[in-house]
Every structure is written in C-alpha cells, then in structure tokens.
Amino acid sequence: MSAVIVTKDTFEQEVLKAEVPVVVDFWATWCGPCQLQSPELAKFERAHEGKVKTVKINVDEQPELAAQFGVSAIPTLIGFKNGEESARAVGLQNADQLAAQFL
C-alpha cells in the first residue's frame, strides 16, 4: 500500500475530511531521512490498517502547504484528527514511535 500524494487541491478532502486520523508526511525527493521514513510509514499504516491513513506532501511541489503548516525541516509528520492538527514530529520516526505519537 503506497501513501496517497496530496496537493493543495486535494488536502481538504484527503486530510481534513478523512474519517480516520491522518498522518501527513512532508518530504522531498532529495532528503535522505525522508527516503528512510517511507518504509516506516508503510509499516505503521499496515499495522493499523483501517484505523489510520498516511499521506505525503512533497514540499518542493507544494510550498504553500509547507508554509501554511510552518514546515521548516523535513521529514515533518503532522497528525490530524477530525480536521484539526493533533500531533507533530520532526525527523525520522520508526513505526513504534509513529504509533505512540499519532494514534
């Protein structure tokens, strides 16, 4: 299962209106730790299938969203529940850390 790619046009539908908590991964293709984050996010999502959703936002392609959420370092992971920010982590997180922070 691969994470959904979100843009400013799909953010509201995919994140704010989601029926389950959403973890948004702000990343970039050139970011080494971001590349390591992807398999941990996938592992986290598989372990909690149906209870959480993960999406990715490329900060180079969506600078408005990165600015809107004050993302100044990547990877930055922001959790949303019921359309509101519920948690935030900066830097590489393993699947257990993700579960502890975002569920």
PDB file of N, CA and C in Angstrom:
ATOM      1  N   MET A   1       0.855  -1.181   0.000  1.00  0.00           N
ATOM      2  CA  MET A   1       0.000   0.000   0.000  1.00  0.00           C
ATOM      3  C   MET A   1       0.896   1.238   0.000  1.00  0.00           C
ATOM      4  N   SER A   2       0.695   2.099  -0.967  1.00  0.00           N
ATOM      5  CA  SER A   2       1.506   3.309  -1.009  1.00  0.00           C
ATOM      6  C   SER A   2       0.679   4.493  -0.537  1.00  0.00           C
ATOM      7  N   ALA A   3       1.346   5.409   0.119  1.00  0.00           N
ATOM      8  CA  ALA A   3       0.662   6.580   0.660  1.00  0.00           C
ATOM      9  C   ALA A   3       0.098   7.436  -0.465  1.00  0.00           C
ATOM     10  N   VAL A   4      -0.980   8.074  -0.177  1.00  0.00           N
ATOM     11  CA  VAL A   4      -1.627   8.975  -1.116  1.00  0.00           C
ATOM     12  C   VAL A   4      -0.805  10.250  -1.216  1.00  0.00           C
ATOM     13  N   ILE A   5      -0.604  10.735  -2.433  1.00  0.00           N
ATOM     14  CA  ILE A   5       0.083  12.011  -2.645  1.00  0.00           C
ATOM     15  C   ILE A   5      -0.975  13.117  -2.586  1.00  0.00           C
ATOM     16  N   VAL A   6      -0.743  14.094  -1.731  1.00  0.00           N
ATOM     17  CA  VAL A   6      -1.716  15.165  -1.524  1.00  0.00           C
ATOM     18  C   VAL A   6      -1.165  16.480  -2.074  1.00  0.00           C
ATOM     19  N   THR A   7      -2.063  17.261  -2.667  1.00  0.00           N
ATOM     20  CA  THR A   7      -1.727  18.602  -3.146  1.00  0.00           C
ATOM     21  C   THR A   7      -2.644  19.594  -2.445  1.00  0.00           C
ATOM     22  N   LYS A   8      -2.400  20.878  -2.696  1.00  0.00           N
ATOM     23  CA  LYS A   8      -3.278  21.877  -2.074  1.00  0.00           C
ATOM     24  C   LYS A   8      -4.722  21.697  -2.533  1.00  0.00           C
ATOM     25  N   ASP A   9      -4.912  21.134  -3.732  1.00  0.00           N
ATOM     26  CA  ASP A   9      -6.266  20.926  -4.248  1.00  0.00           C
ATOM     27  C   ASP A   9      -6.974  19.740  -3.606  1.00  0.00           C
ATOM     28  N   THR A  10      -6.216  18.769  -3.095  1.00  0.00           N
ATOM     29  CA  THR A  10      -6.836  17.576  -2.513  1.00  0.00           C
ATOM     30  C   THR A  10      -6.703  17.511  -0.990  1.00  0.00           C
ATOM     31  N   PHE A  11      -5.998  18.467  -0.399  1.00  0.00           N
ATOM     32  CA  PHE A  11      -5.725  18.437   1.041  1.00  0.00           C
ATOM     33  C   PHE A  11      -6.997  18.367   1.880  1.00  0.00           C
ATOM     34  N   GLU A  12      -7.955  19.225   1.576  1.00  0.00           N
ATOM     35  CA  GLU A  12      -9.173  19.253   2.387  1.00  0.00           C
ATOM     36  C   GLU A  12      -9.872  17.897   2.366  1.00  0.00           C
ATOM     37  N   GLN A  13     -10.069  17.331   1.178  1.00  0.00           N
ATOM     38  CA  GLN A  13     -10.773  16.057   1.053  1.00  0.00           C
ATOM     39  C   GLN A  13      -9.984  14.905   1.677  1.00  0.00           C
ATOM     40  N   GLU A  14      -8.687  14.817   1.390  1.00  0.00           N
ATOM     41  CA  GLU A  14      -7.883  13.677   1.831  1.00  0.00           C
ATOM     42  C   GLU A  14      -7.497  13.737   3.308  1.00  0.00           C
ATOM     43  N   VAL A  15      -7.351  14.946   3.852  1.00  0.00           N
ATOM     44  CA  VAL A  15      -6.862  15.088   5.225  1.00  0.00           C
ATOM     45  C   VAL A  15      -7.942  15.613   6.167  1.00  0.00           C
ATOM     46  N   LEU A  16      -8.450  16.794   5.883  1.00  0.00           N
ATOM     47  CA  LEU A  16      -9.370  17.435   6.822  1.00  0.00           C
ATOM     48  C   LEU A  16     -10.717  16.723   6.922  1.00  0.00           C
ATOM     49  N   LYS A  17     -11.163  16.107   5.839  1.00  0.00           N
ATOM     50  CA  LYS A  17     -12.460  15.430   5.847  1.00  0.00           C
ATOM     51  C   LYS A  17     -12.353  13.913   6.005  1.00  0.00           C
ATOM     52  N   ALA A  18     -11.162  13.414   6.289  1.00  0.00           N
ATOM     53  CA  ALA A  18     -10.958  11.972   6.439  1.00  0.00           C
ATOM     54  C   ALA A  18     -11.732  11.457   7.653  1.00  0.00           C
ATOM     55  N   GLU A  19     -12.205  10.229   7.548  1.00  0.00           N
ATOM     56  CA  GLU A  19     -12.983   9.625   8.633  1.00  0.00           C
ATOM     57  C   GLU A  19     -12.105   8.963   9.681  1.00  0.00           C
ATOM     58  N   VAL A  20     -10.822   8.826   9.397  1.00  0.00           N
ATOM     59  CA  VAL A  20      -9.869   8.261  10.361  1.00  0.00           C
ATOM     60  C   VAL A  20      -8.743   9.273  10.559  1.00  0.00           C
ATOM     61  N   PRO A  21      -7.971   9.124  11.626  1.00  0.00           N
ATOM     62  CA  PRO A  21      -6.821  10.010  11.794  1.00  0.00           C
ATOM     63  C   PRO A  21      -5.879   9.896  10.594  1.00  0.00           C
ATOM     64  N   VAL A  22      -5.243  11.014  10.252  1.00  0.00           N
ATOM     65  CA  VAL A  22      -4.340  11.069   9.098  1.00  0.00           C
ATOM     66  C   VAL A  22      -2.970  11.549   9.563  1.00  0.00           C
ATOM     67  N   VAL A  23      -1.927  10.871   9.092  1.00  0.00           N
ATOM     68  CA  VAL A  23      -0.561  11.328   9.319  1.00  0.00           C
ATOM     69  C   VAL A  23      -0.040  11.855   7.989  1.00  0.00           C
ATOM     70  N   VAL A  24       0.319  13.136   7.980  1.00  0.00           N
ATOM     71  CA  VAL A  24       0.828  13.785   6.778  1.00  0.00           C
ATOM     72  C   VAL A  24       2.347  13.832   6.862  1.00  0.00           C
ATOM     73  N   ASP A  25       2.999  13.272   5.855  1.00  0.00           N
ATOM     74  CA  ASP A  25       4.458  13.261   5.770  1.00  0.00           C
ATOM     75  C   ASP A  25       4.894  14.352   4.796  1.00  0.00           C
ATOM     76  N   PHE A  26       5.488  15.414   5.340  1.00  0.00           N
ATOM     77  CA  PHE A  26       6.066  16.465   4.494  1.00  0.00           C
ATOM     78  C   PHE A  26       7.488  16.022   4.165  1.00  0.00           C
ATOM     79  N   TRP A  27       7.812  15.903   2.872  1.00  0.00           N
ATOM     80  CA  TRP A  27       9.071  15.302   2.437  1.00  0.00           C
ATOM     81  C   TRP A  27       9.547  15.932   1.137  1.00  0.00           C
ATOM     82  N   ALA A  28      10.719  15.494   0.677  1.00  0.00           N
ATOM     83  CA  ALA A  28      11.256  15.881  -0.631  1.00  0.00           C
ATOM     84  C   ALA A  28      12.106  14.728  -1.164  1.00  0.00           C
ATOM     85  N   THR A  29      12.204  14.647  -2.475  1.00  0.00           N
ATOM     86  CA  THR A  29      12.929  13.544  -3.106  1.00  0.00           C
ATOM     87  C   THR A  29      14.415  13.554  -2.758  1.00  0.00           C
ATOM     88  N   TRP A  30      14.999  14.709  -2.521  1.00  0.00           N
ATOM     89  CA  TRP A  30      16.430  14.833  -2.251  1.00  0.00           C
ATOM     90  C   TRP A  30      16.798  14.609  -0.787  1.00  0.00           C
ATOM     91  N   CYS A  31      15.814  14.397   0.055  1.00  0.00           N
ATOM     92  CA  CYS A  31      16.010  14.286   1.507  1.00  0.00           C
ATOM     93  C   CYS A  31      16.246  12.828   1.900  1.00  0.00           C
ATOM     94  N   GLY A  32      17.472  12.503   2.337  1.00  0.00           N
ATOM     95  CA  GLY A  32      17.810  11.142   2.731  1.00  0.00           C
ATOM     96  C   GLY A  32      16.931  10.575   3.839  1.00  0.00           C
ATOM     97  N   PRO A  33      16.788  11.293   4.980  1.00  0.00           N
ATOM     98  CA  PRO A  33      15.917  10.779   6.032  1.00  0.00           C
ATOM     99  C   PRO A  33      14.461  10.580   5.565  1.00  0.00           C
ATOM    100  N   CYS A  34      14.022  11.409   4.612  1.00  0.00           N
ATOM    101  CA  CYS A  34      12.663  11.263   4.077  1.00  0.00           C
ATOM    102  C   CYS A  34      12.513   9.920   3.357  1.00  0.00           C
ATOM    103  N   GLN A  35      13.565   9.508   2.652  1.00  0.00           N
ATOM    104  CA  GLN A  35      13.525   8.224   1.947  1.00  0.00           C
ATOM    105  C   GLN A  35      13.430   7.079   2.956  1.00  0.00           C
ATOM    106  N   LEU A  36      14.095   7.214   4.087  1.00  0.00           N
ATOM    107  CA  LEU A  36      14.043   6.194   5.132  1.00  0.00           C
ATOM    108  C   LEU A  36      12.701   6.207   5.861  1.00  0.00           C
ATOM    109  N   GLN A  37      12.022   7.351   5.865  1.00  0.00           N
ATOM    110  CA  GLN A  37      10.739   7.468   6.551  1.00  0.00           C
ATOM    111  C   GLN A  37       9.641   6.677   5.849  1.00  0.00           C
ATOM    112  N   SER A  38       9.683   6.623   4.523  1.00  0.00           N
ATOM    113  CA  SER A  38       8.606   5.984   3.764  1.00  0.00           C
ATOM    114  C   SER A  38       8.319   4.540   4.184  1.00  0.00           C
ATOM    115  N   PRO A  39       9.334   3.656   4.299  1.00  0.00           N
ATOM    116  CA  PRO A  39       9.008   2.283   4.708  1.00  0.00           C
ATOM    117  C   PRO A  39       8.469   2.198   6.131  1.00  0.00           C
ATOM    118  N   GLU A  40       8.911   3.092   7.004  1.00  0.00           N
ATOM    119  CA  GLU A  40       8.378   3.094   8.382  1.00  0.00           C
ATOM    120  C   GLU A  40       6.915   3.528   8.389  1.00  0.00           C
ATOM    121  N   LEU A  41       6.578   4.513   7.562  1.00  0.00           N
ATOM    122  CA  LEU A  41       5.176   4.926   7.445  1.00  0.00           C
ATOM    123  C   LEU A  41       4.324   3.787   6.916  1.00  0.00           C
ATOM    124  N   ALA A  42       4.823   3.081   5.913  1.00  0.00           N
ATOM    125  CA  ALA A  42       4.079   1.964   5.332  1.00  0.00           C
ATOM    126  C   ALA A  42       3.869   0.866   6.366  1.00  0.00           C
ATOM    127  N   LYS A  43       4.902   0.567   7.141  1.00  0.00           N
ATOM    128  CA  LYS A  43       4.810  -0.455   8.191  1.00  0.00           C
ATOM    129  C   LYS A  43       3.774  -0.033   9.230  1.00  0.00           C
ATOM    130  N   PHE A  44       3.812   1.220   9.640  1.00  0.00           N
ATOM    131  CA  PHE A  44       2.853   1.777  10.600  1.00  0.00           C
ATOM    132  C   PHE A  44       1.425   1.666  10.062  1.00  0.00           C
ATOM    133  N   GLU A  45       1.236   2.039   8.808  1.00  0.00           N
ATOM    134  CA  GLU A  45      -0.112   2.001   8.233  1.00  0.00           C
ATOM    135  C   GLU A  45      -0.621   0.562   8.133  1.00  0.00           C
ATOM    136  N   ARG A  46       0.238  -0.368   7.724  1.00  0.00           N
ATOM    137  CA  ARG A  46      -0.165  -1.782   7.634  1.00  0.00           C
ATOM    138  C   ARG A  46      -0.563  -2.330   9.005  1.00  0.00           C
ATOM    139  N   ALA A  47       0.201  -1.971  10.038  1.00  0.00           N
ATOM    140  CA  ALA A  47      -0.059  -2.468  11.388  1.00  0.00           C
ATOM    141  C   ALA A  47      -1.374  -1.933  11.955  1.00  0.00           C
ATOM    142  N   HIS A  48      -1.825  -0.801  11.431  1.00  0.00           N
ATOM    143  CA  HIS A  48      -3.035  -0.156  11.961  1.00  0.00           C
ATOM    144  C   HIS A  48      -4.050   0.078  10.845  1.00  0.00           C
ATOM    145  N   GLU A  49      -4.095  -0.858   9.908  1.00  0.00           N
ATOM    146  CA  GLU A  49      -4.952  -0.734   8.728  1.00  0.00           C
ATOM    147  C   GLU A  49      -6.404  -0.463   9.123  1.00  0.00           C
ATOM    148  N   GLY A  50      -6.984   0.535   8.459  1.00  0.00           N
ATOM    149  CA  GLY A  50      -8.364   0.905   8.737  1.00  0.00           C
ATOM    150  C   GLY A  50      -8.529   1.874   9.888  1.00  0.00           C
ATOM    151  N   LYS A  51      -7.475   2.040  10.701  1.00  0.00           N
ATOM    152  CA  LYS A  51      -7.550   2.933  11.855  1.00  0.00           C
ATOM    153  C   LYS A  51      -6.829   4.246  11.621  1.00  0.00           C
ATOM    154  N   VAL A  52      -5.983   4.287  10.574  1.00  0.00           N
ATOM    155  CA  VAL A  52      -5.187   5.476  10.289  1.00  0.00           C
ATOM    156  C   VAL A  52      -4.882   5.508   8.795  1.00  0.00           C
ATOM    157  N   LYS A  53      -4.641   6.693   8.303  1.00  0.00           N
ATOM    158  CA  LYS A  53      -4.304   6.884   6.898  1.00  0.00           C
ATOM    159  C   LYS A  53      -3.028   7.706   6.848  1.00  0.00           C
ATOM    160  N   THR A  54      -2.138   7.386   5.904  1.00  0.00           N
ATOM    161  CA  THR A  54      -0.942   8.206   5.725  1.00  0.00           C
ATOM    162  C   THR A  54      -0.974   8.835   4.341  1.00  0.00           C
ATOM    163  N   VAL A  55      -0.532  10.076   4.278  1.00  0.00           N
ATOM    164  CA  VAL A  55      -0.445  10.789   3.004  1.00  0.00           C
ATOM    165  C   VAL A  55       0.896  11.505   2.955  1.00  0.00           C
ATOM    166  N   LYS A  56       1.333  11.844   1.744  1.00  0.00           N
ATOM    167  CA  LYS A  56       2.616  12.504   1.559  1.00  0.00           C
ATOM    168  C   LYS A  56       2.418  13.835   0.825  1.00  0.00           C
ATOM    169  N   ILE A  57       3.170  14.835   1.268  1.00  0.00           N
ATOM    170  CA  ILE A  57       3.175  16.133   0.610  1.00  0.00           C
ATOM    171  C   ILE A  57       4.619  16.481   0.292  1.00  0.00           C
ATOM    172  N   ASN A  58       4.914  16.612  -0.992  1.00  0.00           N
ATOM    173  CA  ASN A  58       6.251  16.991  -1.445  1.00  0.00           C
ATOM    174  C   ASN A  58       6.394  18.503  -1.265  1.00  0.00           C
ATOM    175  N   VAL A  59       7.311  18.919  -0.388  1.00  0.00           N
ATOM    176  CA  VAL A  59       7.435  20.342  -0.067  1.00  0.00           C
ATOM    177  C   VAL A  59       7.926  21.170  -1.261  1.00  0.00           C
ATOM    178  N   ASP A  60       8.643  20.535  -2.181  1.00  0.00           N
ATOM    179  CA  ASP A  60       9.105  21.262  -3.365  1.00  0.00           C
ATOM    180  C   ASP A  60       7.959  21.530  -4.334  1.00  0.00           C
ATOM    181  N   GLU A  61       6.989  20.621  -4.371  1.00  0.00           N
ATOM    182  CA  GLU A  61       5.849  20.771  -5.280  1.00  0.00           C
ATOM    183  C   GLU A  61       4.676  21.501  -4.636  1.00  0.00           C
ATOM    184  N   GLN A  62       4.633  21.524  -3.306  1.00  0.00           N
ATOM    185  CA  GLN A  62       3.519  22.147  -2.575  1.00  0.00           C
ATOM    186  C   GLN A  62       4.048  23.117  -1.517  1.00  0.00           C
ATOM    187  N   PRO A  63       4.799  24.152  -1.937  1.00  0.00           N
ATOM    188  CA  PRO A  63       5.385  25.057  -0.948  1.00  0.00           C
ATOM    189  C   PRO A  63       4.338  25.809  -0.128  1.00  0.00           C
ATOM    190  N   GLU A  64       3.151  26.031  -0.698  1.00  0.00           N
ATOM    191  CA  GLU A  64       2.103  26.747   0.050  1.00  0.00           C
ATOM    192  C   GLU A  64       1.666  25.938   1.264  1.00  0.00           C
ATOM    193  N   LEU A  65       1.499  24.625   1.093  1.00  0.00           N
ATOM    194  CA  LEU A  65       1.090  23.788   2.223  1.00  0.00           C
ATOM    195  C   LEU A  65       2.197  23.716   3.268  1.00  0.00           C
ATOM    196  N   ALA A  66       3.445  23.595   2.814  1.00  0.00           N
ATOM    197  CA  ALA A  66       4.564  23.562   3.761  1.00  0.00           C
ATOM    198  C   ALA A  66       4.590  24.854   4.579  1.00  0.00           C
ATOM    199  N   ALA A  67       4.405  25.992   3.911  1.00  0.00           N
ATOM    200  CA  ALA A  67       4.400  27.278   4.613  1.00  0.00           C
ATOM    201  C   ALA A  67       3.199  27.397   5.546  1.00  0.00           C
ATOM    202  N   GLN A  68       2.034  26.943   5.076  1.00  0.00           N
ATOM    203  CA  GLN A  68       0.813  27.033   5.882  1.00  0.00           C
ATOM    204  C   GLN A  68       0.973  26.317   7.224  1.00  0.00           C
ATOM    205  N   PHE A  69       1.709  25.197   7.222  1.00  0.00           N
ATOM    206  CA  PHE A  69       1.877  24.421   8.447  1.00  0.00           C
ATOM    207  C   PHE A  69       3.231  24.630   9.107  1.00  0.00           C
ATOM    208  N   GLY A  70       3.960  25.650   8.671  1.00  0.00           N
ATOM    209  CA  GLY A  70       5.208  26.019   9.323  1.00  0.00           C
ATOM    210  C   GLY A  70       6.280  24.946   9.247  1.00  0.00           C
ATOM    211  N   VAL A  71       6.313  24.214   8.160  1.00  0.00           N
ATOM    212  CA  VAL A  71       7.311  23.150   7.996  1.00  0.00           C
ATOM    213  C   VAL A  71       8.630  23.786   7.573  1.00  0.00           C
ATOM    214  N   SER A  72       9.636  23.695   8.445  1.00  0.00           N
ATOM    215  CA  SER A  72      10.940  24.285   8.144  1.00  0.00           C
ATOM    216  C   SER A  72      12.041  23.232   8.072  1.00  0.00           C
ATOM    217  N   ALA A  73      11.734  22.010   8.467  1.00  0.00           N
ATOM    218  CA  ALA A  73      12.685  20.903   8.385  1.00  0.00           C
ATOM    219  C   ALA A  73      11.902  19.663   7.950  1.00  0.00           C
ATOM    220  N   ILE A  74      12.574  18.778   7.217  1.00  0.00           N
ATOM    221  CA  ILE A  74      11.896  17.566   6.776  1.00  0.00           C
ATOM    222  C   ILE A  74      12.753  16.350   7.105  1.00  0.00           C
ATOM    223  N   PRO A  75      12.144  15.187   7.339  1.00  0.00           N
ATOM    224  CA  PRO A  75      10.699  14.987   7.314  1.00  0.00           C
ATOM    225  C   PRO A  75      10.017  15.603   8.536  1.00  0.00           C
ATOM    226  N   THR A  76       8.856  16.185   8.284  1.00  0.00           N
ATOM    227  CA  THR A  76       7.955  16.616   9.341  1.00  0.00           C
ATOM    228  C   THR A  76       6.677  15.817   9.168  1.00  0.00           C
ATOM    229  N   LEU A  77       6.216  15.233  10.257  1.00  0.00           N
ATOM    230  CA  LEU A  77       4.984  14.454  10.249  1.00  0.00           C
ATOM    231  C   LEU A  77       3.965  15.176  11.118  1.00  0.00           C
ATOM    232  N   ILE A  78       2.797  15.414  10.555  1.00  0.00           N
ATOM    233  CA  ILE A  78       1.733  16.092  11.297  1.00  0.00           C
ATOM    234  C   ILE A  78       0.504  15.197  11.292  1.00  0.00           C
ATOM    235  N   GLY A  79      -0.018  14.949  12.482  1.00  0.00           N
ATOM    236  CA  GLY A  79      -1.232  14.156  12.613  1.00  0.00           C
ATOM    237  C   GLY A  79      -2.453  15.052  12.646  1.00  0.00           C
ATOM    238  N   PHE A  80      -3.519  14.592  12.021  1.00  0.00           N
ATOM    239  CA  PHE A  80      -4.791  15.307  12.016  1.00  0.00           C
ATOM    240  C   PHE A  80      -5.890  14.366  12.465  1.00  0.00           C
ATOM    241  N   LYS A  81      -6.732  14.857  13.379  1.00  0.00           N
ATOM    242  CA  LYS A  81      -7.929  14.127  13.799  1.00  0.00           C
ATOM    243  C   LYS A  81      -9.096  15.086  13.702  1.00  0.00           C
ATOM    244  N   ASN A  82     -10.143  14.639  13.047  1.00  0.00           N
ATOM    245  CA  ASN A  82     -11.345  15.474  12.887  1.00  0.00           C
ATOM    246  C   ASN A  82     -11.013  16.848  12.315  1.00  0.00           C
ATOM    247  N   GLY A  83     -10.074  16.889  11.365  1.00  0.00           N
ATOM    248  CA  GLY A  83      -9.756  18.131  10.678  1.00  0.00           C
ATOM    249  C   GLY A  83      -8.857  19.082  11.432  1.00  0.00           C
ATOM    250  N   GLU A  84      -8.368  18.658  12.601  1.00  0.00           N
ATOM    251  CA  GLU A  84      -7.511  19.527  13.411  1.00  0.00           C
ATOM    252  C   GLU A  84      -6.153  18.871  13.628  1.00  0.00           C
ATOM    253  N   GLU A  85      -5.100  19.686  13.681  1.00  0.00           N
ATOM    254  CA  GLU A  85      -3.784  19.140  13.986  1.00  0.00           C
ATOM    255  C   GLU A  85      -3.797  18.556  15.390  1.00  0.00           C
ATOM    256  N   SER A  86      -3.302  17.311  15.525  1.00  0.00           N
ATOM    257  CA  SER A  86      -3.326  16.635  16.824  1.00  0.00           C
ATOM    258  C   SER A  86      -1.937  16.286  17.346  1.00  0.00           C
ATOM    259  N   ALA A  87      -0.948  16.204  16.460  1.00  0.00           N
ATOM    260  CA  ALA A  87       0.405  15.850  16.883  1.00  0.00           C
ATOM    261  C   ALA A  87       1.379  16.251  15.784  1.00  0.00           C
ATOM    262  N   ARG A  88       2.650  16.382  16.169  1.00  0.00           N
ATOM    263  CA  ARG A  88       3.679  16.772  15.199  1.00  0.00           C
ATOM    264  C   ARG A  88       5.007  16.162  15.636  1.00  0.00           C
ATOM    265  N   ALA A  89       5.755  15.677  14.653  1.00  0.00           N
ATOM    266  CA  ALA A  89       7.096  15.147  14.915  1.00  0.00           C
ATOM    267  C   ALA A  89       8.007  15.586  13.774  1.00  0.00           C
ATOM    268  N   VAL A  90       9.235  15.973  14.121  1.00  0.00           N
ATOM    269  CA  VAL A  90      10.216  16.376  13.117  1.00  0.00           C
ATOM    270  C   VAL A  90      11.368  15.386  13.175  1.00  0.00           C
ATOM    271  N   GLY A  91      11.787  14.919  12.011  1.00  0.00           N
ATOM    272  CA  GLY A  91      12.869  13.954  11.950  1.00  0.00           C
ATOM    273  C   GLY A  91      12.340  12.546  11.760  1.00  0.00           C
ATOM    274  N   LEU A  92      13.242  11.645  11.470  1.00  0.00           N
ATOM    275  CA  LEU A  92      12.904  10.265  11.181  1.00  0.00           C
ATOM    276  C   LEU A  92      12.258   9.589  12.392  1.00  0.00           C
ATOM    277  N   GLN A  93      11.111   8.958  12.159  1.00  0.00           N
ATOM    278  CA  GLN A  93      10.368   8.253  13.203  1.00  0.00           C
ATOM    279  C   GLN A  93      10.174   6.805  12.776  1.00  0.00           C
ATOM    280  N   ASN A  94      10.382   5.843  13.696  1.00  0.00           N
ATOM    281  CA  ASN A  94      10.106   4.460  13.328  1.00  0.00           C
ATOM    282  C   ASN A  94       8.622   4.160  13.562  1.00  0.00           C
ATOM    283  N   ALA A  95       8.182   2.987  13.143  1.00  0.00           N
ATOM    284  CA  ALA A  95       6.753   2.661  13.210  1.00  0.00           C
ATOM    285  C   ALA A  95       6.217   2.705  14.635  1.00  0.00           C
ATOM    286  N   ASP A  96       7.007   2.260  15.612  1.00  0.00           N
ATOM    287  CA  ASP A  96       6.552   2.291  17.008  1.00  0.00           C
ATOM    288  C   ASP A  96       6.414   3.733  17.509  1.00  0.00           C
ATOM    289  N   GLN A  97       7.357   4.587  17.122  1.00  0.00           N
ATOM    290  CA  GLN A  97       7.256   5.993  17.507  1.00  0.00           C
ATOM    291  C   GLN A  97       6.023   6.635  16.868  1.00  0.00           C
ATOM    292  N   LEU A  98       5.757   6.285  15.619  1.00  0.00           N
ATOM    293  CA  LEU A  98       4.580   6.812  14.941  1.00  0.00           C
ATOM    294  C   LEU A  98       3.307   6.415  15.688  1.00  0.00           C
ATOM    295  N   ALA A  99       3.223   5.147  16.068  1.00  0.00           N
ATOM    296  CA  ALA A  99       2.029   4.672  16.789  1.00  0.00           C
ATOM    297  C   ALA A  99       1.867   5.404  18.120  1.00  0.00           C
ATOM    298  N   ALA A 100       2.976   5.598  18.836  1.00  0.00           N
ATOM    299  CA  ALA A 100       2.915   6.259  20.138  1.00  0.00           C
ATOM    300  C   ALA A 100       2.461   7.716  20.004  1.00  0.00           C
ATOM    301  N   GLN A 101       2.867   8.380  18.927  1.00  0.00           N
ATOM    302  CA  GLN A 101       2.551   9.794  18.779  1.00  0.00           C
ATOM    303  C   GLN A 101       1.240  10.086  18.065  1.00  0.00           C
ATOM    304  N   PHE A 102       0.862   9.218  17.119  1.00  0.00           N
ATOM    305  CA  PHE A 102      -0.227   9.596  16.229  1.00  0.00           C
ATOM    306  C   PHE A 102      -1.504   8.779  16.383  1.00  0.00           C
ATOM    307  N   LEU A 103      -1.509   7.793  17.281  1.00  0.00           N
ATOM    308  CA  LEU A 103      -2.756   7.043  17.479  1.00  0.00           C
ATOM    309  C   LEU A 103      -3.405   7.428  18.791  1.00  0.00           C
TER     310      LEU A 103
END
